[in-house]
Amino acid sequence: MHRSITPERILDAVNADDNLGFCTACGDDASNVEPDAREYKCHSCGEFAVHGAEELLFHVNDD
């Protein structure tokens, strides 16, 4: 997980309810991402590492 993706950043995205996701490889925001998205292609870095904010909540809580 990219170091810029913090629990606070994820919670802000979830609370905004605007279908935001994050690339776990480069840390960039991704718009129009389903909440349960996993491994979508990142438009910034090209990696298949975009996850929906709600999906990332599960990963942050597992740490």
PDB file of N, CA and C in Angstrom:
ATOM      1  N   MET A   1       0.860  -1.181   0.000  1.00  0.00           N
ATOM      2  CA  MET A   1       0.000   0.000   0.000  1.00  0.00           C
ATOM      3  C   MET A   1       0.896   1.231   0.000  1.00  0.00           C
ATOM      4  N   HIS A   2       0.597   2.170  -0.885  1.00  0.00           N
ATOM      5  CA  HIS A   2       1.369   3.404  -0.961  1.00  0.00           C
ATOM      6  C   HIS A   2       1.234   4.175   0.343  1.00  0.00           C
ATOM      7  N   ARG A   3       2.335   4.765   0.789  1.00  0.00           N
ATOM      8  CA  ARG A   3       2.340   5.446   2.096  1.00  0.00           C
ATOM      9  C   ARG A   3       1.405   6.642   2.177  1.00  0.00           C
ATOM     10  N   SER A   4       1.019   7.205   1.026  1.00  0.00           N
ATOM     11  CA  SER A   4       0.122   8.364   1.041  1.00  0.00           C
ATOM     12  C   SER A   4      -1.331   7.980   1.299  1.00  0.00           C
ATOM     13  N   ILE A   5      -1.634   6.694   1.234  1.00  0.00           N
ATOM     14  CA  ILE A   5      -3.013   6.237   1.465  1.00  0.00           C
ATOM     15  C   ILE A   5      -3.163   5.924   2.950  1.00  0.00           C
ATOM     16  N   THR A   6      -3.648   6.901   3.670  1.00  0.00           N
ATOM     17  CA  THR A   6      -3.802   6.794   5.121  1.00  0.00           C
ATOM     18  C   THR A   6      -5.254   6.442   5.469  1.00  0.00           C
ATOM     19  N   PRO A   7      -5.467   5.936   6.674  1.00  0.00           N
ATOM     20  CA  PRO A   7      -6.857   5.671   7.093  1.00  0.00           C
ATOM     21  C   PRO A   7      -7.730   6.922   7.017  1.00  0.00           C
ATOM     22  N   GLU A   8      -7.179   8.071   7.360  1.00  0.00           N
ATOM     23  CA  GLU A   8      -7.945   9.312   7.311  1.00  0.00           C
ATOM     24  C   GLU A   8      -8.355   9.652   5.881  1.00  0.00           C
ATOM     25  N   ARG A   9      -7.435   9.465   4.956  1.00  0.00           N
ATOM     26  CA  ARG A   9      -7.733   9.754   3.544  1.00  0.00           C
ATOM     27  C   ARG A   9      -8.820   8.822   3.014  1.00  0.00           C
ATOM     28  N   ILE A  10      -8.753   7.573   3.400  1.00  0.00           N
ATOM     29  CA  ILE A  10      -9.761   6.599   2.978  1.00  0.00           C
ATOM     30  C   ILE A  10     -11.116   6.952   3.574  1.00  0.00           C
ATOM     31  N   LEU A  11     -11.151   7.250   4.862  1.00  0.00           N
ATOM     32  CA  LEU A  11     -12.417   7.603   5.512  1.00  0.00           C
ATOM     33  C   LEU A  11     -13.025   8.870   4.920  1.00  0.00           C
ATOM     34  N   ASP A  12     -12.196   9.847   4.589  1.00  0.00           N
ATOM     35  CA  ASP A  12     -12.705  11.064   3.942  1.00  0.00           C
ATOM     36  C   ASP A  12     -13.382  10.722   2.618  1.00  0.00           C
ATOM     37  N   ALA A  13     -12.780   9.824   1.850  1.00  0.00           N
ATOM     38  CA  ALA A  13     -13.356   9.419   0.557  1.00  0.00           C
ATOM     39  C   ALA A  13     -14.662   8.664   0.757  1.00  0.00           C
ATOM     40  N   VAL A  14     -14.704   7.784   1.749  1.00  0.00           N
ATOM     41  CA  VAL A  14     -15.923   7.021   2.024  1.00  0.00           C
ATOM     42  C   VAL A  14     -17.042   7.968   2.447  1.00  0.00           C
ATOM     43  N   ASN A  15     -16.729   8.889   3.341  1.00  0.00           N
ATOM     44  CA  ASN A  15     -17.737   9.829   3.829  1.00  0.00           C
ATOM     45  C   ASN A  15     -18.219  10.785   2.743  1.00  0.00           C
ATOM     46  N   ALA A  16     -17.375  11.107   1.786  1.00  0.00           N
ATOM     47  CA  ALA A  16     -17.769  11.991   0.690  1.00  0.00           C
ATOM     48  C   ALA A  16     -18.747  11.301  -0.249  1.00  0.00           C
ATOM     49  N   ASP A  17     -18.712   9.968  -0.278  1.00  0.00           N
ATOM     50  CA  ASP A  17     -19.637   9.176  -1.091  1.00  0.00           C
ATOM     51  C   ASP A  17     -19.641   9.618  -2.556  1.00  0.00           C
ATOM     52  N   ASP A  18     -18.421   9.752  -3.129  1.00  0.00           N
ATOM     53  CA  ASP A  18     -18.316  10.220  -4.515  1.00  0.00           C
ATOM     54  C   ASP A  18     -17.583   9.231  -5.426  1.00  0.00           C
ATOM     55  N   ASN A  19     -17.605   7.943  -5.060  1.00  0.00           N
ATOM     56  CA  ASN A  19     -16.999   6.877  -5.874  1.00  0.00           C
ATOM     57  C   ASN A  19     -15.522   7.108  -6.157  1.00  0.00           C
ATOM     58  N   LEU A  20     -14.796   7.463  -5.116  1.00  0.00           N
ATOM     59  CA  LEU A  20     -13.362   7.669  -5.237  1.00  0.00           C
ATOM     60  C   LEU A  20     -12.635   6.386  -4.864  1.00  0.00           C
ATOM     61  N   GLY A  21     -11.560   6.139  -5.566  1.00  0.00           N
ATOM     62  CA  GLY A  21     -10.694   5.012  -5.257  1.00  0.00           C
ATOM     63  C   GLY A  21      -9.263   5.488  -5.233  1.00  0.00           C
ATOM     64  N   PHE A  22      -8.363   4.572  -4.909  1.00  0.00           N
ATOM     65  CA  PHE A  22      -6.956   4.920  -4.813  1.00  0.00           C
ATOM     66  C   PHE A  22      -6.103   3.836  -5.442  1.00  0.00           C
ATOM     67  N   CYS A  23      -5.011   4.264  -6.049  1.00  0.00           N
ATOM     68  CA  CYS A  23      -4.042   3.311  -6.583  1.00  0.00           C
ATOM     69  C   CYS A  23      -3.076   2.965  -5.460  1.00  0.00           C
ATOM     70  N   THR A  24      -3.008   1.708  -5.120  1.00  0.00           N
ATOM     71  CA  THR A  24      -2.121   1.291  -4.041  1.00  0.00           C
ATOM     72  C   THR A  24      -0.667   1.258  -4.485  1.00  0.00           C
ATOM     73  N   ALA A  25      -0.405   1.386  -5.780  1.00  0.00           N
ATOM     74  CA  ALA A  25       0.970   1.406  -6.285  1.00  0.00           C
ATOM     75  C   ALA A  25       1.561   2.818  -6.256  1.00  0.00           C
ATOM     76  N   CYS A  26       0.816   3.797  -6.791  1.00  0.00           N
ATOM     77  CA  CYS A  26       1.361   5.156  -6.876  1.00  0.00           C
ATOM     78  C   CYS A  26       0.704   6.144  -5.918  1.00  0.00           C
ATOM     79  N   GLY A  27      -0.449   5.778  -5.325  1.00  0.00           N
ATOM     80  CA  GLY A  27      -1.129   6.647  -4.372  1.00  0.00           C
ATOM     81  C   GLY A  27      -2.078   7.651  -4.981  1.00  0.00           C
ATOM     82  N   ASP A  28      -2.222   7.649  -6.291  1.00  0.00           N
ATOM     83  CA  ASP A  28      -3.088   8.613  -6.964  1.00  0.00           C
ATOM     84  C   ASP A  28      -4.569   8.313  -6.718  1.00  0.00           C
ATOM     85  N   ASP A  29      -5.389   9.353  -6.775  1.00  0.00           N
ATOM     86  CA  ASP A  29      -6.845   9.205  -6.702  1.00  0.00           C
ATOM     87  C   ASP A  29      -7.355   8.663  -8.026  1.00  0.00           C
ATOM     88  N   ALA A  30      -8.451   7.939  -7.954  1.00  0.00           N
ATOM     89  CA  ALA A  30      -9.123   7.447  -9.154  1.00  0.00           C
ATOM     90  C   ALA A  30     -10.608   7.732  -8.985  1.00  0.00           C
ATOM     91  N   SER A  31     -11.186   8.390  -9.965  1.00  0.00           N
ATOM     92  CA  SER A  31     -12.612   8.731  -9.889  1.00  0.00           C
ATOM     93  C   SER A  31     -13.457   7.680 -10.579  1.00  0.00           C
ATOM     94  N   ASN A  32     -14.743   7.698 -10.254  1.00  0.00           N
ATOM     95  CA  ASN A  32     -15.727   6.768 -10.822  1.00  0.00           C
ATOM     96  C   ASN A  32     -15.354   5.310 -10.596  1.00  0.00           C
ATOM     97  N   VAL A  33     -14.968   5.013  -9.372  1.00  0.00           N
ATOM     98  CA  VAL A  33     -14.579   3.655  -8.999  1.00  0.00           C
ATOM     99  C   VAL A  33     -15.653   3.077  -8.082  1.00  0.00           C
ATOM    100  N   GLU A  34     -16.104   1.892  -8.386  1.00  0.00           N
ATOM    101  CA  GLU A  34     -17.102   1.245  -7.538  1.00  0.00           C
ATOM    102  C   GLU A  34     -16.516   1.015  -6.147  1.00  0.00           C
ATOM    103  N   PRO A  35     -17.344   1.093  -5.115  1.00  0.00           N
ATOM    104  CA  PRO A  35     -16.838   0.943  -3.751  1.00  0.00           C
ATOM    105  C   PRO A  35     -16.086  -0.368  -3.500  1.00  0.00           C
ATOM    106  N   ASP A  36     -16.513  -1.445  -4.162  1.00  0.00           N
ATOM    107  CA  ASP A  36     -15.869  -2.739  -3.942  1.00  0.00           C
ATOM    108  C   ASP A  36     -14.843  -3.091  -5.030  1.00  0.00           C
ATOM    109  N   ALA A  37     -14.394  -2.087  -5.775  1.00  0.00           N
ATOM    110  CA  ALA A  37     -13.441  -2.317  -6.868  1.00  0.00           C
ATOM    111  C   ALA A  37     -12.125  -2.871  -6.335  1.00  0.00           C
ATOM    112  N   ARG A  38     -11.538  -3.764  -7.128  1.00  0.00           N
ATOM    113  CA  ARG A  38     -10.220  -4.331  -6.811  1.00  0.00           C
ATOM    114  C   ARG A  38      -9.421  -4.466  -8.094  1.00  0.00           C
ATOM    115  N   GLU A  39      -8.207  -3.985  -8.036  1.00  0.00           N
ATOM    116  CA  GLU A  39      -7.232  -4.173  -9.106  1.00  0.00           C
ATOM    117  C   GLU A  39      -7.670  -3.619 -10.459  1.00  0.00           C
ATOM    118  N   TYR A  40      -8.314  -2.457 -10.444  1.00  0.00           N
ATOM    119  CA  TYR A  40      -8.597  -1.753 -11.687  1.00  0.00           C
ATOM    120  C   TYR A  40      -7.297  -1.119 -12.178  1.00  0.00           C
ATOM    121  N   LYS A  41      -7.230  -0.822 -13.465  1.00  0.00           N
ATOM    122  CA  LYS A  41      -6.027  -0.217 -14.030  1.00  0.00           C
ATOM    123  C   LYS A  41      -5.953   1.264 -13.669  1.00  0.00           C
ATOM    124  N   CYS A  42      -4.802   1.694 -13.196  1.00  0.00           N
ATOM    125  CA  CYS A  42      -4.569   3.088 -12.827  1.00  0.00           C
ATOM    126  C   CYS A  42      -4.257   3.898 -14.078  1.00  0.00           C
ATOM    127  N   HIS A  43      -4.916   5.046 -14.226  1.00  0.00           N
ATOM    128  CA  HIS A  43      -4.687   5.910 -15.382  1.00  0.00           C
ATOM    129  C   HIS A  43      -3.379   6.685 -15.254  1.00  0.00           C
ATOM    130  N   SER A  44      -2.824   6.741 -14.045  1.00  0.00           N
ATOM    131  CA  SER A  44      -1.575   7.474 -13.841  1.00  0.00           C
ATOM    132  C   SER A  44      -0.338   6.618 -14.070  1.00  0.00           C
ATOM    133  N   CYS A  45      -0.310   5.433 -13.449  1.00  0.00           N
ATOM    134  CA  CYS A  45       0.903   4.612 -13.515  1.00  0.00           C
ATOM    135  C   CYS A  45       0.749   3.345 -14.362  1.00  0.00           C
ATOM    136  N   GLY A  46      -0.490   2.980 -14.688  1.00  0.00           N
ATOM    137  CA  GLY A  46      -0.720   1.809 -15.524  1.00  0.00           C
ATOM    138  C   GLY A  46      -0.797   0.484 -14.786  1.00  0.00           C
ATOM    139  N   GLU A  47      -0.541   0.496 -13.496  1.00  0.00           N
ATOM    140  CA  GLU A  47      -0.622  -0.735 -12.706  1.00  0.00           C
ATOM    141  C   GLU A  47      -2.092  -1.096 -12.450  1.00  0.00           C
ATOM    142  N   PHE A  48      -2.336  -2.368 -12.281  1.00  0.00           N
ATOM    143  CA  PHE A  48      -3.682  -2.838 -11.919  1.00  0.00           C
ATOM    144  C   PHE A  48      -3.760  -2.868 -10.391  1.00  0.00           C
ATOM    145  N   ALA A  49      -3.855  -1.662  -9.814  1.00  0.00           N
ATOM    146  CA  ALA A  49      -3.777  -1.528  -8.364  1.00  0.00           C
ATOM    147  C   ALA A  49      -4.780  -0.538  -7.792  1.00  0.00           C
ATOM    148  N   VAL A  50      -5.812  -0.182  -8.559  1.00  0.00           N
ATOM    149  CA  VAL A  50      -6.835   0.741  -8.061  1.00  0.00           C
ATOM    150  C   VAL A  50      -7.904  -0.040  -7.322  1.00  0.00           C
ATOM    151  N   HIS A  51      -8.210   0.439  -6.121  1.00  0.00           N
ATOM    152  CA  HIS A  51      -9.224  -0.177  -5.271  1.00  0.00           C
ATOM    153  C   HIS A  51     -10.200   0.899  -4.826  1.00  0.00           C
ATOM    154  N   GLY A  52     -11.450   0.518  -4.654  1.00  0.00           N
ATOM    155  CA  GLY A  52     -12.441   1.436  -4.119  1.00  0.00           C
ATOM    156  C   GLY A  52     -12.128   1.774  -2.678  1.00  0.00           C
ATOM    157  N   ALA A  53     -12.523   2.957  -2.248  1.00  0.00           N
ATOM    158  CA  ALA A  53     -12.229   3.398  -0.880  1.00  0.00           C
ATOM    159  C   ALA A  53     -12.816   2.445   0.153  1.00  0.00           C
ATOM    160  N   GLU A  54     -14.051   2.011  -0.056  1.00  0.00           N
ATOM    161  CA  GLU A  54     -14.678   1.108   0.910  1.00  0.00           C
ATOM    162  C   GLU A  54     -13.933  -0.223   0.977  1.00  0.00           C
ATOM    163  N   GLU A  55     -13.473  -0.704  -0.146  1.00  0.00           N
ATOM    164  CA  GLU A  55     -12.695  -1.945  -0.186  1.00  0.00           C
ATOM    165  C   GLU A  55     -11.394  -1.788   0.601  1.00  0.00           C
ATOM    166  N   LEU A  56     -10.770  -0.642   0.492  1.00  0.00           N
ATOM    167  CA  LEU A  56      -9.510  -0.418   1.203  1.00  0.00           C
ATOM    168  C   LEU A  56      -9.690  -0.367   2.711  1.00  0.00           C
ATOM    169  N   LEU A  57     -10.891  -0.035   3.171  1.00  0.00           N
ATOM    170  CA  LEU A  57     -11.151  -0.040   4.612  1.00  0.00           C
ATOM    171  C   LEU A  57     -10.844  -1.402   5.222  1.00  0.00           C
ATOM    172  N   PHE A  58     -11.143  -2.466   4.493  1.00  0.00           N
ATOM    173  CA  PHE A  58     -10.887  -3.807   4.995  1.00  0.00           C
ATOM    174  C   PHE A  58      -9.388  -4.055   5.147  1.00  0.00           C
ATOM    175  N   HIS A  59      -8.605  -3.537   4.227  1.00  0.00           N
ATOM    176  CA  HIS A  59      -7.157  -3.742   4.267  1.00  0.00           C
ATOM    177  C   HIS A  59      -6.495  -2.928   5.358  1.00  0.00           C
ATOM    178  N   VAL A  60      -6.983  -1.721   5.576  1.00  0.00           N
ATOM    179  CA  VAL A  60      -6.411  -0.861   6.610  1.00  0.00           C
ATOM    180  C   VAL A  60      -6.712  -1.438   7.985  1.00  0.00           C
ATOM    181  N   ASN A  61      -7.905  -1.964   8.172  1.00  0.00           N
ATOM    182  CA  ASN A  61      -8.293  -2.532   9.453  1.00  0.00           C
ATOM    183  C   ASN A  61      -7.584  -3.840   9.756  1.00  0.00           C
ATOM    184  N   ASP A  62      -7.078  -4.522   8.710  1.00  0.00           N
ATOM    185  CA  ASP A  62      -6.374  -5.786   8.910  1.00  0.00           C
ATOM    186  C   ASP A  62      -4.967  -5.587   9.439  1.00  0.00           C
ATOM    187  N   ASP A  63      -4.407  -4.377   9.265  1.00  0.00           N
ATOM    188  CA  ASP A  63      -3.021  -4.117   9.669  1.00  0.00           C
ATOM    189  C   ASP A  63      -2.846  -4.067  11.170  1.00  0.00           C
TER     190      ASP A  63
END
